[in-house]
Amino acid sequence: MPVKVFISHKKEDAEQAKLISAHLIANGLTVYLDVIDAQLGKKSYAGKWVMTD
């Protein structure tokens, strides 16, 4: 079962959260980070895991 990580952060910490996310993804983890979620804020958003390259 793959490990999934939710990164919670304050708005002013978004850049640090992105760096942490990139490190985790590079090491094979699936990461949810709201600042890389294009669906967040849309009415049809139901929540999902996001993984970037």
Protein backbone atom coordinates (compact mmCIF):
# COMPACT_ATOMS: atom_id res chain seq x y z
CA MET A 1 0.00 0.00 0.00
CA PRO A 2 1.53 3.35 -1.02
CA VAL A 3 2.16 5.96 1.63
CA LYS A 4 0.09 9.14 1.26
CA VAL A 5 1.13 12.37 2.94
CA PHE A 6 -1.08 15.41 3.57
CA ILE A 7 0.93 18.59 4.08
CA SER A 8 -0.77 21.20 6.23
CA HIS A 9 0.75 24.67 6.34
CA LYS A 10 0.11 28.35 6.86
CA LYS A 11 -0.10 30.58 3.80
CA GLU A 12 3.25 32.20 4.56
CA ASP A 13 4.89 28.74 4.65
CA ALA A 14 3.70 27.69 1.17
CA GLU A 15 7.16 27.78 -0.42
CA GLN A 16 8.64 25.57 2.30
CA ALA A 17 5.68 23.20 1.95
CA LYS A 18 6.37 22.95 -1.81
CA LEU A 19 10.01 22.05 -1.15
CA ILE A 20 9.01 19.37 1.36
CA SER A 21 6.42 18.06 -1.10
CA ALA A 22 9.00 17.82 -3.90
CA HIS A 23 11.38 15.91 -1.62
CA LEU A 24 8.70 13.43 -0.60
CA ILE A 25 7.53 12.91 -4.19
CA ALA A 26 11.15 12.36 -5.31
CA ASN A 27 11.31 9.59 -2.71
CA GLY A 28 8.21 7.80 -4.01
CA LEU A 29 5.47 9.14 -1.76
CA THR A 30 2.09 10.44 -2.89
CA VAL A 31 1.53 13.97 -1.60
CA TYR A 32 -1.50 16.22 -1.23
CA LEU A 33 -0.59 19.89 -1.09
CA ASP A 34 -3.32 22.46 -1.65
CA VAL A 35 -1.09 24.97 -3.45
CA ILE A 36 -0.51 22.45 -6.27
CA ASP A 37 -4.17 21.37 -6.48
CA ALA A 38 -5.81 23.08 -9.45
CA GLN A 39 -9.25 21.73 -8.43
CA LEU A 40 -9.27 23.32 -4.97
CA GLY A 41 -11.94 25.96 -4.65
CA LYS A 42 -14.07 24.66 -7.53
CA LYS A 43 -17.65 23.65 -6.72
CA SER A 44 -17.12 20.15 -8.06
CA TYR A 45 -14.05 19.56 -5.86
CA ALA A 46 -14.50 16.40 -3.81
CA GLY A 47 -10.92 15.99 -2.58
CA LYS A 48 -8.15 14.00 -4.21
CA TRP A 49 -4.49 13.15 -3.92
CA VAL A 50 -2.14 15.16 -6.07
CA MET A 51 1.26 14.02 -7.30
CA THR A 52 3.57 16.21 -9.35
CA ASP A 53 6.61 15.35 -11.44
